[in-house]
Amino acid sequence: MFYTIKELVTQAETDFSGSISELMIATEMATSGRSRQDILALMSENLSVMLASIDHGLTARSSRTGLTGGDALKLERYIQAGRTLSEPTILTAAKNAMAVNESNAQMGLVCATPTAGSAGCVPAVLATAIDKLALNTTQQLDFLFTAGAFGLVIANNASISGAEGGCQAEVGSAAAMAAAALVTAVGGTASQASQACAMVIKNLLGLVCDPVAGLVEVPCVKRNAMGASLALVAADMALAGITSKIPTDEVIQAMYQVGQAMPSAFRETAEGGLATTPTGKRLKAEIFGD
């Protein structure tokens, strides 16, 4: 069992030939009592739900509130037109992330990774990696186990709850998990994966959770798109040999401290930020009445 990123990296390198996914599987077997076969089967179910949620969200349908819907499809068509300013791989990840969260807003089935509000980042980056790197099923599952290992440390040492730590704890954690997993998917080391994790969290510190009308739609859908994009950039930076001057465990601790200091108005209460703008208040009134 590992409790810190430092322990995660050390144990993976010492006992599992650098494989974080194998360390995570062994940890899950020890803590849950499940067999390896059962654990792989459960993760396979999660994988299926994740990939299906992208397809489900790529439509012009609106959510029941009308706040969101159709943006993932717009971005897909924009990418296909071939006139993008950003590199298509990054935009594809953004598109995938929006699709998952638009599916969630339409009451579709998503896999909380680590929450429903941040469910787009990990599937988005994984689906993008599947296409770009031709990942087989085993590699896809390894991606998810690696993401889960980093998520486990973050959850135990900081938070993955917007109500407790703001959106830095939700989209920040999800994007960090995706970045770390992507590094290993292309053959990066456990140490490099930890650097990608740190760089994502460092750059999302203080991100507030301010859902308009208290719903997981605005700005959540687009924040997942930005989180997925950041995950790809951080992974490339780590693979280039760039490191965080602040150790990853200290970055996670800083996220916890920032979350604790964050006023409750910015922690999923819809009492601050975008939720209390004139337009935010108007949309709430239109949905729920005065």
Protein backbone atom coordinates (compact mmCIF):
# COMPACT_ATOMS: atom_id res chain seq x y z
CA MET A 1 0.00 0.00 0.00
CA PHE A 2 1.20 3.51 -0.76
CA TYR A 3 0.07 6.74 0.87
CA THR A 4 2.15 9.32 -0.98
CA ILE A 5 3.29 9.90 -4.53
CA LYS A 6 6.86 9.34 -3.40
CA GLU A 7 5.90 5.90 -2.05
CA LEU A 8 3.93 5.18 -5.23
CA VAL A 9 6.91 5.93 -7.46
CA THR A 10 9.37 4.05 -5.24
CA GLN A 11 7.23 0.93 -4.92
CA ALA A 12 6.42 0.86 -8.63
CA GLU A 13 10.09 1.15 -9.57
CA THR A 14 11.35 -1.25 -6.89
CA ASP A 15 8.75 -3.98 -6.83
CA PHE A 16 6.79 -3.78 -10.12
CA SER A 17 9.40 -2.97 -12.79
CA GLY A 18 8.15 0.60 -12.95
CA SER A 19 4.52 -0.37 -13.55
CA ILE A 20 2.12 1.81 -11.56
CA SER A 21 -0.84 -0.12 -12.91
CA GLU A 22 0.51 -3.41 -11.53
CA LEU A 23 1.13 -1.74 -8.18
CA MET A 24 -2.45 -0.46 -8.17
CA ILE A 25 -3.86 -3.88 -9.03
CA ALA A 26 -1.84 -5.47 -6.23
CA THR A 27 -3.01 -2.77 -3.83
CA GLU A 28 -6.62 -3.32 -4.81
CA MET A 29 -6.27 -7.07 -4.37
CA ALA A 30 -4.79 -6.58 -0.88
CA THR A 31 -7.34 -4.04 0.31
CA SER A 32 -10.51 -5.42 -1.29
CA GLY A 33 -9.84 -9.14 -1.19
CA ARG A 34 -10.95 -9.42 -4.82
CA SER A 35 -9.10 -11.58 -7.30
CA ARG A 36 -7.07 -10.09 -10.10
CA GLN A 37 -9.61 -11.38 -12.58
CA ASP A 38 -12.50 -9.68 -10.75
CA ILE A 39 -10.61 -6.40 -10.52
CA LEU A 40 -9.83 -6.43 -14.23
CA ALA A 41 -13.45 -7.23 -15.00
CA LEU A 42 -14.69 -4.31 -12.92
CA MET A 43 -12.29 -1.91 -14.56
CA SER A 44 -13.30 -3.22 -17.96
CA GLU A 45 -16.88 -2.25 -17.15
CA ASN A 46 -15.72 1.24 -16.22
CA LEU A 47 -13.81 1.47 -19.48
CA SER A 48 -16.88 0.53 -21.50
CA VAL A 49 -19.01 3.14 -19.74
CA MET A 50 -16.39 5.84 -20.27
CA LEU A 51 -16.03 5.28 -24.00
CA ALA A 52 -19.79 4.95 -24.47
CA SER A 53 -20.39 8.23 -22.66
CA ILE A 54 -18.28 10.05 -25.25
CA ASP A 55 -20.38 8.66 -28.08
CA HIS A 56 -23.59 9.44 -26.20
CA GLY A 57 -22.61 13.06 -25.69
CA LEU A 58 -21.65 13.75 -29.30
CA THR A 59 -25.11 14.93 -30.33
CA ALA A 60 -27.02 18.16 -30.76
CA ARG A 61 -29.30 17.29 -27.84
CA SER A 62 -29.67 19.78 -25.01
CA SER A 63 -29.85 18.94 -21.35
CA ARG A 64 -33.22 19.08 -19.63
CA THR A 65 -32.46 22.59 -18.41
CA GLY A 66 -31.24 23.78 -21.78
CA LEU A 67 -28.03 25.09 -20.23
CA THR A 68 -25.73 22.75 -22.12
CA GLY A 69 -25.63 20.42 -25.09
CA GLY A 70 -24.28 20.33 -28.61
CA ASP A 71 -20.92 21.98 -27.95
CA ALA A 72 -18.92 18.76 -28.24
CA LEU A 73 -20.48 18.16 -31.64
CA LYS A 74 -19.67 21.73 -32.71
CA LEU A 75 -16.03 21.23 -31.77
CA GLU A 76 -15.90 17.88 -33.57
CA ARG A 77 -17.16 19.50 -36.77
CA TYR A 78 -14.69 22.36 -36.35
CA ILE A 79 -11.82 19.89 -36.04
CA GLN A 80 -13.01 17.99 -39.10
CA ALA A 81 -13.05 21.23 -41.12
CA GLY A 82 -9.27 21.35 -40.73
CA ARG A 83 -8.90 25.02 -39.89
CA THR A 84 -7.99 24.78 -36.22
CA LEU A 85 -5.49 27.04 -34.52
CA SER A 86 -4.68 24.49 -31.81
CA GLU A 87 -3.20 21.06 -32.52
CA PRO A 88 -6.06 18.62 -33.34
CA THR A 89 -5.04 16.09 -30.67
CA ILE A 90 -5.55 18.63 -27.90
CA LEU A 91 -8.87 19.74 -29.36
CA THR A 92 -9.99 16.13 -29.68
CA ALA A 93 -9.38 15.65 -25.97
CA ALA A 94 -11.36 18.81 -25.25
CA LYS A 95 -14.17 17.59 -27.48
CA ASN A 96 -14.25 14.20 -25.79
CA ALA A 97 -14.35 15.78 -22.34
CA MET A 98 -17.28 17.99 -23.23
CA ALA A 99 -19.10 15.03 -24.72
CA VAL A 100 -18.86 13.09 -21.45
CA ASN A 101 -20.10 15.98 -19.35
CA GLU A 102 -22.85 16.87 -21.78
CA SER A 103 -23.92 13.24 -21.59
CA ASN A 104 -23.95 13.53 -17.81
CA ALA A 105 -26.13 16.66 -18.02
CA GLN A 106 -28.51 14.71 -20.27
CA MET A 107 -28.83 12.09 -17.51
CA GLY A 108 -26.60 9.66 -19.39
CA LEU A 109 -24.42 7.10 -17.65
CA VAL A 110 -20.89 8.27 -16.83
CA CYS A 111 -18.07 6.91 -14.72
CA ALA A 112 -17.12 9.26 -11.90
CA THR A 113 -13.40 9.82 -12.36
CA PRO A 114 -13.10 10.91 -9.66
CA THR A 115 -16.51 12.68 -9.59
CA ALA A 116 -19.42 13.13 -11.98
CA GLY A 117 -18.60 16.81 -12.33
CA SER A 118 -15.06 15.95 -13.45
CA ALA A 119 -15.95 12.75 -15.30
CA GLY A 120 -14.77 14.02 -18.67
CA CYS A 121 -11.03 14.44 -18.21
CA VAL A 122 -9.81 10.86 -17.83
CA PRO A 123 -12.05 9.28 -20.52
CA ALA A 124 -11.28 12.16 -22.87
CA VAL A 125 -7.52 11.78 -22.60
CA LEU A 126 -7.76 7.99 -22.73
CA ALA A 127 -9.93 7.99 -25.86
CA THR A 128 -7.54 10.43 -27.51
CA ALA A 129 -4.60 8.21 -26.58
CA ILE A 130 -6.37 5.12 -27.93
CA ASP A 131 -6.64 6.76 -31.34
CA LYS A 132 -3.22 8.39 -31.40
CA LEU A 133 -1.22 5.55 -29.84
CA ALA A 134 -3.34 2.55 -30.92
CA LEU A 135 -3.57 1.34 -27.33
CA ASN A 136 -4.81 -2.23 -26.96
CA THR A 137 -7.28 -3.26 -24.27
CA THR A 138 -4.57 -4.17 -21.75
CA GLN A 139 -2.91 -0.78 -22.23
CA GLN A 140 -6.25 0.97 -21.87
CA LEU A 141 -6.85 -0.76 -18.54
CA ASP A 142 -3.30 0.05 -17.45
CA PHE A 143 -4.09 3.70 -18.17
CA LEU A 144 -7.10 3.58 -15.86
CA PHE A 145 -5.30 1.76 -13.06
CA THR A 146 -2.48 4.30 -13.23
CA ALA A 147 -4.95 7.18 -13.11
CA GLY A 148 -6.64 5.50 -10.16
CA ALA A 149 -3.37 5.19 -8.26
CA PHE A 150 -2.74 8.92 -8.47
CA GLY A 151 -6.37 9.64 -7.63
CA LEU A 152 -6.09 7.47 -4.55
CA VAL A 153 -3.18 9.48 -3.19
CA ILE A 154 -4.87 12.79 -3.96
CA ALA A 155 -8.11 11.70 -2.29
CA ASN A 156 -6.30 10.49 0.82
CA ASN A 157 -4.09 13.56 1.20
CA ALA A 158 -6.22 16.39 -0.16
CA SER A 159 -9.72 16.07 -1.64
CA ILE A 160 -11.62 15.16 -4.78
CA SER A 161 -14.76 16.98 -3.64
CA GLY A 162 -15.81 20.36 -4.95
CA ALA A 163 -17.80 20.92 -1.78
CA GLU A 164 -14.64 20.47 0.25
CA GLY A 165 -11.90 21.87 -1.96
CA GLY A 166 -13.42 23.70 -4.91
CA CYS A 167 -13.08 22.69 -8.55
CA GLN A 168 -9.31 22.35 -8.13
CA ALA A 169 -10.19 19.18 -6.21
CA GLU A 170 -12.45 17.88 -8.97
CA VAL A 171 -11.25 18.92 -12.43
CA GLY A 172 -7.78 19.55 -11.00
CA SER A 173 -7.52 16.03 -9.63
CA ALA A 174 -9.09 14.47 -12.73
CA ALA A 175 -6.74 16.27 -15.11
CA ALA A 176 -3.75 15.36 -12.95
CA MET A 177 -4.77 11.70 -12.97
CA ALA A 178 -5.17 11.77 -16.76
CA ALA A 179 -1.81 13.47 -17.29
CA ALA A 180 0.03 10.93 -15.15
CA ALA A 181 -1.63 7.99 -16.89
CA LEU A 182 -0.89 9.42 -20.32
CA VAL A 183 2.82 9.66 -19.51
CA THR A 184 2.99 5.97 -18.71
CA ALA A 185 0.89 5.08 -21.76
CA VAL A 186 3.66 6.37 -24.02
CA GLY A 187 6.41 4.66 -22.05
CA GLY A 188 7.29 7.38 -19.58
CA THR A 189 8.56 6.52 -16.13
CA ALA A 190 6.67 6.57 -12.85
CA SER A 191 8.72 9.58 -11.84
CA GLN A 192 7.78 11.44 -15.02
CA ALA A 193 4.14 10.59 -14.41
CA SER A 194 4.39 12.17 -10.97
CA GLN A 195 5.83 15.34 -12.51
CA ALA A 196 2.90 15.61 -14.91
CA CYS A 197 0.52 15.22 -11.98
CA ALA A 198 2.25 18.02 -10.09
CA MET A 199 2.26 20.40 -13.04
CA VAL A 200 -1.47 20.05 -13.58
CA ILE A 201 -2.39 20.65 -9.96
CA LYS A 202 0.02 23.60 -9.65
CA ASN A 203 -1.69 25.31 -12.55
CA LEU A 204 -5.24 24.75 -11.28
CA LEU A 205 -4.65 25.72 -7.65
CA GLY A 206 -7.47 27.90 -6.39
CA LEU A 207 -9.96 26.93 -9.10
CA VAL A 208 -13.37 27.54 -7.55
CA CYS A 209 -16.52 25.46 -7.79
CA ASP A 210 -19.33 27.86 -8.77
CA PRO A 211 -22.04 25.92 -10.61
CA VAL A 212 -24.73 28.09 -12.14
CA ALA A 213 -28.11 27.25 -10.58
CA GLY A 214 -26.29 24.60 -8.54
CA LEU A 215 -26.22 22.27 -11.54
CA VAL A 216 -23.27 20.32 -12.92
CA GLU A 217 -23.39 22.06 -16.29
CA VAL A 218 -22.06 25.63 -16.37
CA PRO A 219 -19.09 26.02 -16.17
CA CYS A 220 -18.36 22.33 -15.52
CA VAL A 221 -18.62 21.09 -19.11
CA LYS A 222 -16.05 23.50 -20.47
CA ARG A 223 -13.80 23.19 -17.44
CA ASN A 224 -13.45 19.50 -18.21
CA ALA A 225 -12.42 20.42 -21.74
CA MET A 226 -9.71 22.72 -20.41
CA GLY A 227 -8.62 20.12 -17.86
CA ALA A 228 -8.20 17.47 -20.55
CA SER A 229 -6.21 19.91 -22.67
CA LEU A 230 -3.94 20.77 -19.76
CA ALA A 231 -3.37 17.07 -19.10
CA LEU A 232 -1.88 16.61 -22.58
CA VAL A 233 0.37 19.64 -22.26
CA ALA A 234 1.59 18.59 -18.80
CA ALA A 235 2.31 15.06 -20.05
CA ASP A 236 4.42 16.42 -22.89
CA MET A 237 6.29 18.71 -20.53
CA ALA A 238 7.08 15.82 -18.19
CA LEU A 239 8.18 13.60 -21.07
CA ALA A 240 10.47 16.41 -22.22
CA GLY A 241 12.27 16.13 -18.89
CA ILE A 242 10.69 19.19 -17.25
CA THR A 243 10.16 18.76 -13.52
CA SER A 244 8.24 20.54 -10.80
CA LYS A 245 10.45 22.47 -8.39
CA ILE A 246 7.89 21.68 -5.69
CA PRO A 247 7.62 17.92 -5.02
CA THR A 248 4.32 16.37 -6.05
CA ASP A 249 3.30 15.47 -2.49
CA GLU A 250 3.88 19.05 -1.41
CA VAL A 251 1.80 20.28 -4.35
CA ILE A 252 -1.05 18.01 -3.24
CA GLN A 253 -0.71 19.30 0.31
CA ALA A 254 -0.86 22.85 -1.01
CA MET A 255 -4.09 22.01 -2.83
CA TYR A 256 -5.54 20.76 0.44
CA GLN A 257 -4.52 23.95 2.25
CA VAL A 258 -5.97 26.16 -0.48
CA GLY A 259 -9.22 24.20 -0.37
CA GLN A 260 -9.48 24.57 3.39
CA ALA A 261 -8.91 28.32 3.13
CA MET A 262 -11.39 28.76 0.28
CA PRO A 263 -14.62 30.53 1.33
CA SER A 264 -17.73 28.35 1.25
CA ALA A 265 -19.16 30.60 -1.48
CA PHE A 266 -16.62 29.04 -3.84
CA ARG A 267 -17.12 25.42 -2.82
CA GLU A 268 -20.12 24.08 -4.76
CA THR A 269 -22.69 26.21 -2.91
CA ALA A 270 -23.54 28.33 -5.97
CA GLU A 271 -23.20 31.39 -3.74
CA GLY A 272 -20.27 32.99 -5.54
CA GLY A 273 -18.35 33.27 -8.77
CA LEU A 274 -20.20 32.65 -12.02
CA ALA A 275 -23.29 31.43 -10.16
CA THR A 276 -23.95 34.92 -8.74
CA THR A 277 -23.35 36.93 -11.90
CA PRO A 278 -26.48 38.68 -13.25
CA THR A 279 -26.75 36.10 -16.01
CA GLY A 280 -26.14 33.26 -13.58
CA LYS A 281 -28.97 34.47 -11.37
CA ARG A 282 -31.26 34.95 -14.36
CA LEU A 283 -30.63 31.42 -15.58
CA LYS A 284 -31.36 30.03 -12.13
CA ALA A 285 -34.66 31.93 -12.03
CA GLU A 286 -35.60 30.66 -15.48
CA ILE A 287 -34.96 27.07 -14.44
CA PHE A 288 -36.34 27.04 -10.89
CA GLY A 289 -38.46 30.19 -10.72
CA ASP A 290 -38.08 33.09 -8.33
